[in-house]
Amino acid sequence: MATLTITLEPTVLEAAKSAAERRKITLDQLIAESLTMVASPPPTDADNEALIRLMNEGILGHIDRPLTRDEIYAERTWPRS
């Protein structure tokens, strides 16, 4: 791993520490994750197609229309007496 030295405004540093604390990670981990996201290549069309294929293989299968409210809540309802 490489070592990186940066200069930040004190308010930015405190905000970053707070953000890392909320996520229960170290400030180093937060910075490393942020830089990794910036340096990662964007998804390709092949990646997007693979994601859509996986989504269509899910429990509901291929859905060519938006679900109705009744369809969304069908499993969450029960007979009421």
PDB file of N, CA and C in Angstrom:
ATOM      1  N   MET A   1       0.839  -1.178   0.000  1.00  0.00           N
ATOM      2  CA  MET A   1       0.000   0.000   0.000  1.00  0.00           C
ATOM      3  C   MET A   1       0.882   1.238   0.000  1.00  0.00           C
ATOM      4  N   ALA A   2       0.378   2.270  -0.617  1.00  0.00           N
ATOM      5  CA  ALA A   2       1.090   3.544  -0.666  1.00  0.00           C
ATOM      6  C   ALA A   2       0.627   4.433   0.472  1.00  0.00           C
ATOM      7  N   THR A   3       1.463   5.364   0.841  1.00  0.00           N
ATOM      8  CA  THR A   3       1.133   6.342   1.872  1.00  0.00           C
ATOM      9  C   THR A   3       0.804   7.656   1.182  1.00  0.00           C
ATOM     10  N   LEU A   4      -0.251   8.309   1.661  1.00  0.00           N
ATOM     11  CA  LEU A   4      -0.705   9.553   1.072  1.00  0.00           C
ATOM     12  C   LEU A   4      -0.785  10.612   2.166  1.00  0.00           C
ATOM     13  N   THR A   5      -0.256  11.773   1.889  1.00  0.00           N
ATOM     14  CA  THR A   5      -0.343  12.898   2.820  1.00  0.00           C
ATOM     15  C   THR A   5      -1.217  13.960   2.177  1.00  0.00           C
ATOM     16  N   ILE A   6      -2.239  14.420   2.918  1.00  0.00           N
ATOM     17  CA  ILE A   6      -3.132  15.445   2.383  1.00  0.00           C
ATOM     18  C   ILE A   6      -3.280  16.586   3.389  1.00  0.00           C
ATOM     19  N   THR A   7      -3.672  17.727   2.889  1.00  0.00           N
ATOM     20  CA  THR A   7      -3.924  18.891   3.733  1.00  0.00           C
ATOM     21  C   THR A   7      -5.402  19.242   3.613  1.00  0.00           C
ATOM     22  N   LEU A   8      -6.071  19.366   4.762  1.00  0.00           N
ATOM     23  CA  LEU A   8      -7.500  19.661   4.782  1.00  0.00           C
ATOM     24  C   LEU A   8      -7.792  20.819   5.722  1.00  0.00           C
ATOM     25  N   GLU A   9      -8.877  21.498   5.440  1.00  0.00           N
ATOM     26  CA  GLU A   9      -9.385  22.489   6.378  1.00  0.00           C
ATOM     27  C   GLU A   9      -9.854  21.745   7.626  1.00  0.00           C
ATOM     28  N   PRO A  10      -9.692  22.320   8.806  1.00  0.00           N
ATOM     29  CA  PRO A  10     -10.120  21.652  10.037  1.00  0.00           C
ATOM     30  C   PRO A  10     -11.596  21.254  10.034  1.00  0.00           C
ATOM     31  N   THR A  11     -12.444  22.082   9.452  1.00  0.00           N
ATOM     32  CA  THR A  11     -13.871  21.737   9.426  1.00  0.00           C
ATOM     33  C   THR A  11     -14.140  20.526   8.542  1.00  0.00           C
ATOM     34  N   VAL A  12     -13.407  20.429   7.435  1.00  0.00           N
ATOM     35  CA  VAL A  12     -13.554  19.274   6.544  1.00  0.00           C
ATOM     36  C   VAL A  12     -13.065  18.011   7.252  1.00  0.00           C
ATOM     37  N   LEU A  13     -11.961  18.117   7.955  1.00  0.00           N
ATOM     38  CA  LEU A  13     -11.418  16.979   8.682  1.00  0.00           C
ATOM     39  C   LEU A  13     -12.406  16.486   9.731  1.00  0.00           C
ATOM     40  N   GLU A  14     -12.993  17.401  10.496  1.00  0.00           N
ATOM     41  CA  GLU A  14     -13.953  16.999  11.532  1.00  0.00           C
ATOM     42  C   GLU A  14     -15.185  16.360  10.913  1.00  0.00           C
ATOM     43  N   ALA A  15     -15.668  16.920   9.804  1.00  0.00           N
ATOM     44  CA  ALA A  15     -16.831  16.336   9.134  1.00  0.00           C
ATOM     45  C   ALA A  15     -16.513  14.934   8.616  1.00  0.00           C
ATOM     46  N   ALA A  16     -15.321  14.751   8.066  1.00  0.00           N
ATOM     47  CA  ALA A  16     -14.910  13.435   7.570  1.00  0.00           C
ATOM     48  C   ALA A  16     -14.783  12.437   8.716  1.00  0.00           C
ATOM     49  N   LYS A  17     -14.231  12.865   9.843  1.00  0.00           N
ATOM     50  CA  LYS A  17     -14.137  11.980  11.012  1.00  0.00           C
ATOM     51  C   LYS A  17     -15.518  11.565  11.481  1.00  0.00           C
ATOM     52  N   SER A  18     -16.444  12.507  11.502  1.00  0.00           N
ATOM     53  CA  SER A  18     -17.816  12.196  11.912  1.00  0.00           C
ATOM     54  C   SER A  18     -18.470  11.211  10.954  1.00  0.00           C
ATOM     55  N   ALA A  19     -18.255  11.411   9.658  1.00  0.00           N
ATOM     56  CA  ALA A  19     -18.818  10.501   8.662  1.00  0.00           C
ATOM     57  C   ALA A  19     -18.259   9.093   8.825  1.00  0.00           C
ATOM     58  N   ALA A  20     -16.969   8.990   9.059  1.00  0.00           N
ATOM     59  CA  ALA A  20     -16.341   7.680   9.270  1.00  0.00           C
ATOM     60  C   ALA A  20     -16.875   7.028  10.540  1.00  0.00           C
ATOM     61  N   GLU A  21     -17.043   7.810  11.581  1.00  0.00           N
ATOM     62  CA  GLU A  21     -17.551   7.283  12.848  1.00  0.00           C
ATOM     63  C   GLU A  21     -18.977   6.754  12.680  1.00  0.00           C
ATOM     64  N   ARG A  22     -19.812   7.490  11.937  1.00  0.00           N
ATOM     65  CA  ARG A  22     -21.191   7.037  11.700  1.00  0.00           C
ATOM     66  C   ARG A  22     -21.211   5.717  10.943  1.00  0.00           C
ATOM     67  N   ARG A  23     -20.252   5.539  10.044  1.00  0.00           N
ATOM     68  CA  ARG A  23     -20.173   4.298   9.254  1.00  0.00           C
ATOM     69  C   ARG A  23     -19.413   3.201   9.976  1.00  0.00           C
ATOM     70  N   LYS A  24     -18.887   3.531  11.164  1.00  0.00           N
ATOM     71  CA  LYS A  24     -18.122   2.581  11.987  1.00  0.00           C
ATOM     72  C   LYS A  24     -16.888   2.054  11.246  1.00  0.00           C
ATOM     73  N   ILE A  25     -16.180   2.983  10.573  1.00  0.00           N
ATOM     74  CA  ILE A  25     -14.917   2.657   9.917  1.00  0.00           C
ATOM     75  C   ILE A  25     -13.918   3.750  10.273  1.00  0.00           C
ATOM     76  N   THR A  26     -12.662   3.500   9.974  1.00  0.00           N
ATOM     77  CA  THR A  26     -11.640   4.506  10.253  1.00  0.00           C
ATOM     78  C   THR A  26     -11.645   5.567   9.169  1.00  0.00           C
ATOM     79  N   LEU A  27     -11.044   6.702   9.483  1.00  0.00           N
ATOM     80  CA  LEU A  27     -10.927   7.774   8.500  1.00  0.00           C
ATOM     81  C   LEU A  27     -10.097   7.307   7.305  1.00  0.00           C
ATOM     82  N   ASP A  28      -9.058   6.528   7.571  1.00  0.00           N
ATOM     83  CA  ASP A  28      -8.246   5.976   6.477  1.00  0.00           C
ATOM     84  C   ASP A  28      -9.098   5.115   5.541  1.00  0.00           C
ATOM     85  N   GLN A  29      -9.967   4.280   6.116  1.00  0.00           N
ATOM     86  CA  GLN A  29     -10.826   3.428   5.304  1.00  0.00           C
ATOM     87  C   GLN A  29     -11.804   4.271   4.476  1.00  0.00           C
ATOM     88  N   LEU A  30     -12.354   5.314   5.076  1.00  0.00           N
ATOM     89  CA  LEU A  30     -13.285   6.187   4.368  1.00  0.00           C
ATOM     90  C   LEU A  30     -12.602   6.845   3.169  1.00  0.00           C
ATOM     91  N   ILE A  31     -11.402   7.355   3.388  1.00  0.00           N
ATOM     92  CA  ILE A  31     -10.659   8.008   2.306  1.00  0.00           C
ATOM     93  C   ILE A  31     -10.299   6.988   1.222  1.00  0.00           C
ATOM     94  N   ALA A  32      -9.845   5.813   1.631  1.00  0.00           N
ATOM     95  CA  ALA A  32      -9.475   4.780   0.658  1.00  0.00           C
ATOM     96  C   ALA A  32     -10.688   4.362  -0.179  1.00  0.00           C
ATOM     97  N   GLU A  33     -11.849   4.178   0.460  1.00  0.00           N
ATOM     98  CA  GLU A  33     -13.063   3.812  -0.268  1.00  0.00           C
ATOM     99  C   GLU A  33     -13.459   4.912  -1.247  1.00  0.00           C
ATOM    100  N   SER A  34     -13.372   6.147  -0.806  1.00  0.00           N
ATOM    101  CA  SER A  34     -13.741   7.274  -1.667  1.00  0.00           C
ATOM    102  C   SER A  34     -12.832   7.353  -2.888  1.00  0.00           C
ATOM    103  N   LEU A  35     -11.537   7.225  -2.678  1.00  0.00           N
ATOM    104  CA  LEU A  35     -10.600   7.277  -3.799  1.00  0.00           C
ATOM    105  C   LEU A  35     -10.768   6.081  -4.726  1.00  0.00           C
ATOM    106  N   THR A  36     -11.085   4.923  -4.183  1.00  0.00           N
ATOM    107  CA  THR A  36     -11.316   3.731  -5.004  1.00  0.00           C
ATOM    108  C   THR A  36     -12.521   3.939  -5.908  1.00  0.00           C
ATOM    109  N   MET A  37     -13.589   4.543  -5.364  1.00  0.00           N
ATOM    110  CA  MET A  37     -14.782   4.804  -6.179  1.00  0.00           C
ATOM    111  C   MET A  37     -14.470   5.792  -7.296  1.00  0.00           C
ATOM    112  N   VAL A  38     -13.683   6.813  -7.001  1.00  0.00           N
ATOM    113  CA  VAL A  38     -13.327   7.814  -8.010  1.00  0.00           C
ATOM    114  C   VAL A  38     -12.457   7.186  -9.092  1.00  0.00           C
ATOM    115  N   ALA A  39     -11.562   6.292  -8.713  1.00  0.00           N
ATOM    116  CA  ALA A  39     -10.603   5.717  -9.657  1.00  0.00           C
ATOM    117  C   ALA A  39     -11.153   4.502 -10.405  1.00  0.00           C
ATOM    118  N   SER A  40     -12.299   3.960  -9.991  1.00  0.00           N
ATOM    119  CA  SER A  40     -12.865   2.776 -10.644  1.00  0.00           C
ATOM    120  C   SER A  40     -13.457   3.151 -11.991  1.00  0.00           C
ATOM    121  N   PRO A  41     -13.306   2.259 -12.962  1.00  0.00           N
ATOM    122  CA  PRO A  41     -13.906   2.556 -14.269  1.00  0.00           C
ATOM    123  C   PRO A  41     -15.430   2.494 -14.171  1.00  0.00           C
ATOM    124  N   PRO A  42     -16.130   3.279 -14.991  1.00  0.00           N
ATOM    125  CA  PRO A  42     -17.597   3.242 -14.961  1.00  0.00           C
ATOM    126  C   PRO A  42     -18.104   1.902 -15.506  1.00  0.00           C
ATOM    127  N   PRO A  43     -19.331   1.517 -15.141  1.00  0.00           N
ATOM    128  CA  PRO A  43     -19.872   0.253 -15.656  1.00  0.00           C
ATOM    129  C   PRO A  43     -20.001   0.293 -17.182  1.00  0.00           C
ATOM    130  N   THR A  44     -19.767  -0.846 -17.789  1.00  0.00           N
ATOM    131  CA  THR A  44     -19.894  -0.947 -19.247  1.00  0.00           C
ATOM    132  C   THR A  44     -21.308  -1.401 -19.608  1.00  0.00           C
ATOM    133  N   ASP A  45     -21.614  -1.369 -20.890  1.00  0.00           N
ATOM    134  CA  ASP A  45     -22.912  -1.874 -21.344  1.00  0.00           C
ATOM    135  C   ASP A  45     -23.058  -3.345 -20.994  1.00  0.00           C
ATOM    136  N   ALA A  46     -21.971  -4.108 -21.078  1.00  0.00           N
ATOM    137  CA  ALA A  46     -22.016  -5.529 -20.726  1.00  0.00           C
ATOM    138  C   ALA A  46     -22.343  -5.702 -19.246  1.00  0.00           C
ATOM    139  N   ASP A  47     -21.783  -4.842 -18.393  1.00  0.00           N
ATOM    140  CA  ASP A  47     -22.094  -4.901 -16.961  1.00  0.00           C
ATOM    141  C   ASP A  47     -23.574  -4.626 -16.732  1.00  0.00           C
ATOM    142  N   ASN A  48     -24.095  -3.610 -17.408  1.00  0.00           N
ATOM    143  CA  ASN A  48     -25.506  -3.264 -17.255  1.00  0.00           C
ATOM    144  C   ASN A  48     -26.416  -4.393 -17.732  1.00  0.00           C
ATOM    145  N   GLU A  49     -26.070  -5.008 -18.862  1.00  0.00           N
ATOM    146  CA  GLU A  49     -26.868  -6.125 -19.374  1.00  0.00           C
ATOM    147  C   GLU A  49     -26.830  -7.305 -18.414  1.00  0.00           C
ATOM    148  N   ALA A  50     -25.668  -7.574 -17.819  1.00  0.00           N
ATOM    149  CA  ALA A  50     -25.561  -8.675 -16.853  1.00  0.00           C
ATOM    150  C   ALA A  50     -26.418  -8.391 -15.633  1.00  0.00           C
ATOM    151  N   LEU A  51     -26.437  -7.158 -15.166  1.00  0.00           N
ATOM    152  CA  LEU A  51     -27.258  -6.796 -14.015  1.00  0.00           C
ATOM    153  C   LEU A  51     -28.742  -6.963 -14.331  1.00  0.00           C
ATOM    154  N   ILE A  52     -29.168  -6.523 -15.492  1.00  0.00           N
ATOM    155  CA  ILE A  52     -30.574  -6.678 -15.890  1.00  0.00           C
ATOM    156  C   ILE A  52     -30.938  -8.150 -15.988  1.00  0.00           C
ATOM    157  N   ARG A  53     -30.035  -8.959 -16.545  1.00  0.00           N
ATOM    158  CA  ARG A  53     -30.283 -10.399 -16.647  1.00  0.00           C
ATOM    159  C   ARG A  53     -30.451 -11.019 -15.261  1.00  0.00           C
ATOM    160  N   LEU A  54     -29.582 -10.642 -14.319  1.00  0.00           N
ATOM    161  CA  LEU A  54     -29.698 -11.171 -12.958  1.00  0.00           C
ATOM    162  C   LEU A  54     -30.996 -10.724 -12.297  1.00  0.00           C
ATOM    163  N   MET A  55     -31.391  -9.484 -12.530  1.00  0.00           N
ATOM    164  CA  MET A  55     -32.639  -8.993 -11.948  1.00  0.00           C
ATOM    165  C   MET A  55     -33.832  -9.771 -12.494  1.00  0.00           C
ATOM    166  N   ASN A  56     -33.812 -10.109 -13.784  1.00  0.00           N
ATOM    167  CA  ASN A  56     -34.917 -10.853 -14.389  1.00  0.00           C
ATOM    168  C   ASN A  56     -34.944 -12.305 -13.945  1.00  0.00           C
ATOM    169  N   GLU A  57     -33.834 -12.822 -13.432  1.00  0.00           N
ATOM    170  CA  GLU A  57     -33.787 -14.191 -12.940  1.00  0.00           C
ATOM    171  C   GLU A  57     -34.253 -14.283 -11.488  1.00  0.00           C
ATOM    172  N   GLY A  58     -34.642 -13.168 -10.915  1.00  0.00           N
ATOM    173  CA  GLY A  58     -35.069 -13.132  -9.516  1.00  0.00           C
ATOM    174  C   GLY A  58     -36.391 -13.830  -9.286  1.00  0.00           C
ATOM    175  N   ILE A  59     -36.927 -13.687  -8.107  1.00  0.00           N
ATOM    176  CA  ILE A  59     -38.153 -14.355  -7.681  1.00  0.00           C
ATOM    177  C   ILE A  59     -39.322 -14.017  -8.598  1.00  0.00           C
ATOM    178  N   LEU A  60     -39.440 -12.771  -9.001  1.00  0.00           N
ATOM    179  CA  LEU A  60     -40.575 -12.350  -9.809  1.00  0.00           C
ATOM    180  C   LEU A  60     -40.391 -12.631 -11.289  1.00  0.00           C
ATOM    181  N   GLY A  61     -39.173 -12.943 -11.717  1.00  0.00           N
ATOM    182  CA  GLY A  61     -38.927 -13.159 -13.129  1.00  0.00           C
ATOM    183  C   GLY A  61     -39.003 -11.865 -13.905  1.00  0.00           C
ATOM    184  N   HIS A  62     -39.189 -11.954 -15.200  1.00  0.00           N
ATOM    185  CA  HIS A  62     -39.225 -10.770 -16.059  1.00  0.00           C
ATOM    186  C   HIS A  62     -40.548 -10.037 -15.860  1.00  0.00           C
ATOM    187  N   ILE A  63     -40.466  -8.771 -15.580  1.00  0.00           N
ATOM    188  CA  ILE A  63     -41.666  -7.961 -15.404  1.00  0.00           C
ATOM    189  C   ILE A  63     -41.656  -6.895 -16.489  1.00  0.00           C
ATOM    190  N   ASP A  64     -42.655  -6.942 -17.375  1.00  0.00           N
ATOM    191  CA  ASP A  64     -42.686  -6.005 -18.479  1.00  0.00           C
ATOM    192  C   ASP A  64     -43.578  -4.796 -18.210  1.00  0.00           C
ATOM    193  N   ARG A  65     -44.097  -4.708 -16.992  1.00  0.00           N
ATOM    194  CA  ARG A  65     -44.948  -3.585 -16.618  1.00  0.00           C
ATOM    195  C   ARG A  65     -44.774  -3.310 -15.137  1.00  0.00           C
ATOM    196  N   PRO A  66     -45.070  -2.123 -14.703  1.00  0.00           N
ATOM    197  CA  PRO A  66     -44.994  -1.834 -13.267  1.00  0.00           C
ATOM    198  C   PRO A  66     -46.045  -2.648 -12.497  1.00  0.00           C
ATOM    199  N   LEU A  67     -45.677  -3.100 -11.315  1.00  0.00           N
ATOM    200  CA  LEU A  67     -46.623  -3.832 -10.484  1.00  0.00           C
ATOM    201  C   LEU A  67     -47.678  -2.888  -9.925  1.00  0.00           C
ATOM    202  N   THR A  68     -48.878  -3.430  -9.735  1.00  0.00           N
ATOM    203  CA  THR A  68     -49.930  -2.639  -9.108  1.00  0.00           C
ATOM    204  C   THR A  68     -49.735  -2.669  -7.604  1.00  0.00           C
ATOM    205  N   ARG A  69     -50.411  -1.770  -6.918  1.00  0.00           N
ATOM    206  CA  ARG A  69     -50.335  -1.734  -5.454  1.00  0.00           C
ATOM    207  C   ARG A  69     -50.779  -3.063  -4.865  1.00  0.00           C
ATOM    208  N   ASP A  70     -51.863  -3.626  -5.410  1.00  0.00           N
ATOM    209  CA  ASP A  70     -52.375  -4.905  -4.902  1.00  0.00           C
ATOM    210  C   ASP A  70     -51.358  -6.025  -5.083  1.00  0.00           C
ATOM    211  N   GLU A  71     -50.643  -6.032  -6.212  1.00  0.00           N
ATOM    212  CA  GLU A  71     -49.631  -7.055  -6.450  1.00  0.00           C
ATOM    213  C   GLU A  71     -48.447  -6.897  -5.494  1.00  0.00           C
ATOM    214  N   ILE A  72     -48.076  -5.672  -5.219  1.00  0.00           N
ATOM    215  CA  ILE A  72     -46.951  -5.433  -4.322  1.00  0.00           C
ATOM    216  C   ILE A  72     -47.258  -5.917  -2.915  1.00  0.00           C
ATOM    217  N   TYR A  73     -48.485  -5.680  -2.461  1.00  0.00           N
ATOM    218  CA  TYR A  73     -48.839  -6.010  -1.085  1.00  0.00           C
ATOM    219  C   TYR A  73     -49.549  -7.347  -0.923  1.00  0.00           C
ATOM    220  N   ALA A  74     -49.670  -8.131  -1.990  1.00  0.00           N
ATOM    221  CA  ALA A  74     -50.392  -9.400  -1.928  1.00  0.00           C
ATOM    222  C   ALA A  74     -49.832 -10.336  -0.860  1.00  0.00           C
ATOM    223  N   GLU A  75     -48.509 -10.412  -0.733  1.00  0.00           N
ATOM    224  CA  GLU A  75     -47.906 -11.315   0.244  1.00  0.00           C
ATOM    225  C   GLU A  75     -47.979 -10.765   1.661  1.00  0.00           C
ATOM    226  N   ARG A  76     -48.243  -9.482   1.806  1.00  0.00           N
ATOM    227  CA  ARG A  76     -48.244  -8.861   3.124  1.00  0.00           C
ATOM    228  C   ARG A  76     -49.627  -8.784   3.745  1.00  0.00           C
ATOM    229  N   THR A  77     -50.626  -9.182   3.002  1.00  0.00           N
ATOM    230  CA  THR A  77     -51.981  -9.119   3.535  1.00  0.00           C
ATOM    231  C   THR A  77     -52.393 -10.471   4.096  1.00  0.00           C
ATOM    232  N   TRP A  78     -53.384 -10.464   4.908  1.00  0.00           N
ATOM    233  CA  TRP A  78     -53.909 -11.683   5.491  1.00  0.00           C
ATOM    234  C   TRP A  78     -55.420 -11.543   5.574  1.00  0.00           C
ATOM    235  N   PRO A  79     -56.107 -12.655   5.666  1.00  0.00           N
ATOM    236  CA  PRO A  79     -57.569 -12.566   5.781  1.00  0.00           C
ATOM    237  C   PRO A  79     -57.953 -11.878   7.089  1.00  0.00           C
ATOM    238  N   ARG A  80     -58.865 -10.937   6.997  1.00  0.00           N
ATOM    239  CA  ARG A  80     -59.323 -10.235   8.190  1.00  0.00           C
ATOM    240  C   ARG A  80     -60.745 -10.667   8.504  1.00  0.00           C
ATOM    241  N   SER A  81     -60.979 -10.861   9.770  1.00  0.00           N
ATOM    242  CA  SER A  81     -62.335 -11.297  10.146  1.00  0.00           C
ATOM    243  C   SER A  81     -63.104 -10.185  10.805  1.00  0.00           C
TER     244      SER A  81
END
